[in-house]
Amino acid sequence: MASEAAAASEPDARGGTGGTSGTPAPGEVTGTARVDTWIWSVRLTKTRSQAAAACRAGHVRVNGERVKPAYAVKAGDEVRVRHSGHERVVVVSRIVRKRVGPPAAVQCYVDNSPPPPPREFVAPVATRDRGAGRPTKRDRRELDRLQGL
């Protein structure tokens, strides 16, 4: 028994101790990963081709620099992704190469994104019942007052 405990605490040929405490989670990799693969894996884009296209278009920055899709991202890097008019600012905390579920994805980065801007109030559009005929002068004045003219 004592020899088994000693063998479990000694490093094996791969550099690990043989236990499960030091093994990475499924899909998690130590070292680096392509930025387009990482962005897709942590669900910042829907597809990997969208992530690669965003990199080629200059919408992805790592530590302030525009990057190509094959750029190697590592833990601690700040990744900025501009998508549909909103910029996401995340700091890499884990490297994954395979797409993970949403609960696991949020553990792979620290989100430092600014809050989205408030939505503008849209005035209701004035509509008339179908077949109501041409609006009278009084109806037109009410529509103008409603629209703020």
Protein backbone atom coordinates (compact mmCIF):
# COMPACT_ATOMS: atom_id res chain seq x y z
CA MET A 1 0.00 0.00 0.00
CA ALA A 2 2.79 2.41 0.86
CA SER A 3 4.48 1.76 -2.48
CA GLU A 4 1.23 2.53 -4.33
CA ALA A 5 0.88 5.87 -2.52
CA ALA A 6 4.50 6.73 -3.27
CA ALA A 7 4.05 5.80 -6.93
CA ALA A 8 0.93 7.97 -7.19
CA SER A 9 2.77 11.02 -5.85
CA GLU A 10 5.80 10.60 -8.14
CA PRO A 11 5.61 12.21 -11.58
CA ASP A 12 4.99 9.81 -14.47
CA ALA A 13 6.55 9.93 -17.93
CA ARG A 14 4.18 12.68 -19.08
CA GLY A 15 5.12 14.98 -16.21
CA GLY A 16 1.88 14.48 -14.27
CA THR A 17 1.38 12.68 -10.99
CA GLY A 18 -1.01 10.14 -12.47
CA GLY A 19 -3.95 11.46 -10.42
CA THR A 20 -7.06 13.14 -11.77
CA SER A 21 -6.52 16.43 -9.95
CA GLY A 22 -4.05 17.79 -12.51
CA THR A 23 -5.83 16.63 -15.65
CA PRO A 24 -7.47 19.29 -17.78
CA ALA A 25 -11.21 19.33 -18.37
CA PRO A 26 -12.52 17.82 -21.63
CA GLY A 27 -11.45 20.04 -24.52
CA GLU A 28 -9.13 22.07 -22.29
CA VAL A 29 -5.56 22.39 -23.47
CA THR A 30 -2.53 23.85 -21.80
CA GLY A 31 -0.42 26.24 -23.84
CA THR A 32 -1.90 28.07 -26.82
CA ALA A 33 -4.72 27.78 -29.35
CA ARG A 34 -5.71 29.54 -32.56
CA VAL A 35 -7.68 32.69 -31.81
CA ASP A 36 -10.49 31.83 -34.24
CA THR A 37 -10.87 28.36 -32.69
CA TRP A 38 -10.85 29.78 -29.17
CA ILE A 39 -13.45 32.47 -29.99
CA TRP A 40 -15.72 29.80 -31.46
CA SER A 41 -15.05 27.34 -28.61
CA VAL A 42 -16.14 29.78 -25.90
CA ARG A 43 -19.24 30.77 -27.89
CA LEU A 44 -18.38 34.38 -28.73
CA THR A 45 -19.35 33.55 -32.35
CA LYS A 46 -21.78 30.98 -33.69
CA THR A 47 -19.45 29.33 -36.19
CA ARG A 48 -15.72 28.98 -36.63
CA SER A 49 -15.97 30.45 -40.12
CA GLN A 50 -17.61 33.56 -38.62
CA ALA A 51 -14.73 33.81 -36.15
CA ALA A 52 -12.15 33.49 -38.94
CA ALA A 53 -14.00 36.07 -41.06
CA ALA A 54 -14.06 38.49 -38.11
CA CYS A 55 -10.29 38.07 -37.71
CA ARG A 56 -9.67 38.67 -41.42
CA ALA A 57 -11.91 41.76 -41.36
CA GLY A 58 -9.96 43.26 -38.44
CA HIS A 59 -12.76 42.88 -35.86
CA VAL A 60 -10.61 40.82 -33.48
CA ARG A 61 -7.77 42.32 -31.46
CA VAL A 62 -5.49 40.53 -29.01
CA ASN A 63 -3.67 42.82 -26.57
CA GLY A 64 -4.54 45.80 -28.81
CA GLU A 65 -3.16 44.30 -32.06
CA ARG A 66 -5.23 43.16 -35.04
CA VAL A 67 -4.65 39.45 -35.54
CA LYS A 68 -5.05 36.82 -38.22
CA PRO A 69 -7.16 33.70 -37.56
CA ALA A 70 -4.08 31.53 -36.85
CA TYR A 71 -2.70 33.81 -34.11
CA ALA A 72 -1.84 31.82 -30.98
CA VAL A 73 -3.76 33.02 -27.95
CA LYS A 74 -2.66 32.08 -24.42
CA ALA A 75 -4.01 32.50 -20.89
CA GLY A 76 -3.88 36.13 -19.75
CA ASP A 77 -4.38 37.67 -23.22
CA GLU A 78 -7.05 40.34 -23.68
CA VAL A 79 -9.28 39.58 -26.67
CA ARG A 80 -11.59 42.22 -28.14
CA VAL A 81 -14.28 40.99 -30.55
CA ARG A 82 -16.55 43.46 -32.35
CA HIS A 83 -19.80 41.75 -33.34
CA SER A 84 -23.03 43.35 -34.55
CA GLY A 85 -22.10 46.84 -33.37
CA HIS A 86 -21.13 45.75 -29.85
CA GLU A 87 -17.60 45.10 -28.61
CA ARG A 88 -16.86 42.21 -26.26
CA VAL A 89 -13.71 42.54 -24.15
CA VAL A 90 -12.62 39.29 -22.52
CA VAL A 91 -9.47 38.10 -20.78
CA VAL A 92 -8.51 34.50 -21.50
CA SER A 93 -8.41 32.35 -18.37
CA ARG A 94 -8.49 28.87 -19.96
CA ILE A 95 -7.49 27.56 -23.35
CA VAL A 96 -9.98 25.28 -25.10
CA ARG A 97 -9.92 24.00 -28.67
CA LYS A 98 -13.19 22.09 -28.77
CA ARG A 99 -16.56 23.82 -28.39
CA VAL A 100 -17.85 23.59 -24.84
CA GLY A 101 -21.27 24.18 -23.32
CA PRO A 102 -22.36 27.60 -22.10
CA PRO A 103 -21.67 26.95 -18.39
CA ALA A 104 -18.14 25.76 -19.17
CA ALA A 105 -17.59 28.54 -21.73
CA VAL A 106 -18.06 31.37 -19.23
CA GLN A 107 -15.37 29.81 -17.02
CA CYS A 108 -12.84 30.13 -19.87
CA TYR A 109 -12.78 33.93 -19.83
CA VAL A 110 -13.33 36.99 -17.66
CA ASP A 111 -15.80 39.35 -19.30
CA ASN A 112 -14.72 43.01 -19.07
CA SER A 113 -17.18 44.26 -21.70
CA PRO A 114 -18.79 47.65 -21.18
CA PRO A 115 -22.55 47.50 -20.63
CA PRO A 116 -24.60 47.78 -23.82
CA PRO A 117 -25.94 51.25 -24.57
CA PRO A 118 -29.55 51.84 -23.55
CA ARG A 119 -32.09 51.22 -26.26
CA GLU A 120 -33.63 54.30 -27.75
CA PHE A 121 -37.31 54.84 -27.20
CA VAL A 122 -39.19 54.31 -30.44
CA ALA A 123 -42.44 56.21 -30.81
CA PRO A 124 -45.44 54.06 -31.69
CA VAL A 125 -46.33 54.12 -35.37
CA ALA A 126 -49.74 55.53 -36.09
CA THR A 127 -51.91 53.04 -37.94
CA ARG A 128 -55.42 53.23 -39.24
CA ASP A 129 -57.95 50.48 -39.55
CA ARG A 130 -58.10 48.91 -42.97
CA GLY A 131 -61.03 50.28 -44.93
CA ALA A 132 -61.44 53.36 -42.70
CA GLY A 133 -61.09 55.60 -45.72
CA ARG A 134 -59.17 58.78 -46.18
CA PRO A 135 -58.20 60.56 -42.92
CA THR A 136 -60.10 63.76 -42.17
CA LYS A 137 -58.38 67.02 -41.34
CA ARG A 138 -58.99 66.31 -37.65
CA ASP A 139 -57.41 62.82 -38.00
CA ARG A 140 -54.36 64.32 -39.75
CA ARG A 141 -53.89 66.87 -36.95
CA GLU A 142 -54.10 64.11 -34.32
CA LEU A 143 -51.50 62.08 -36.24
CA ASP A 144 -49.19 65.10 -36.42
CA ARG A 145 -49.61 65.73 -32.69
CA LEU A 146 -48.90 62.07 -31.96
CA GLN A 147 -45.72 62.13 -34.06
CA GLY A 148 -44.56 65.36 -32.39
CA LEU A 149 -44.67 67.55 -35.50
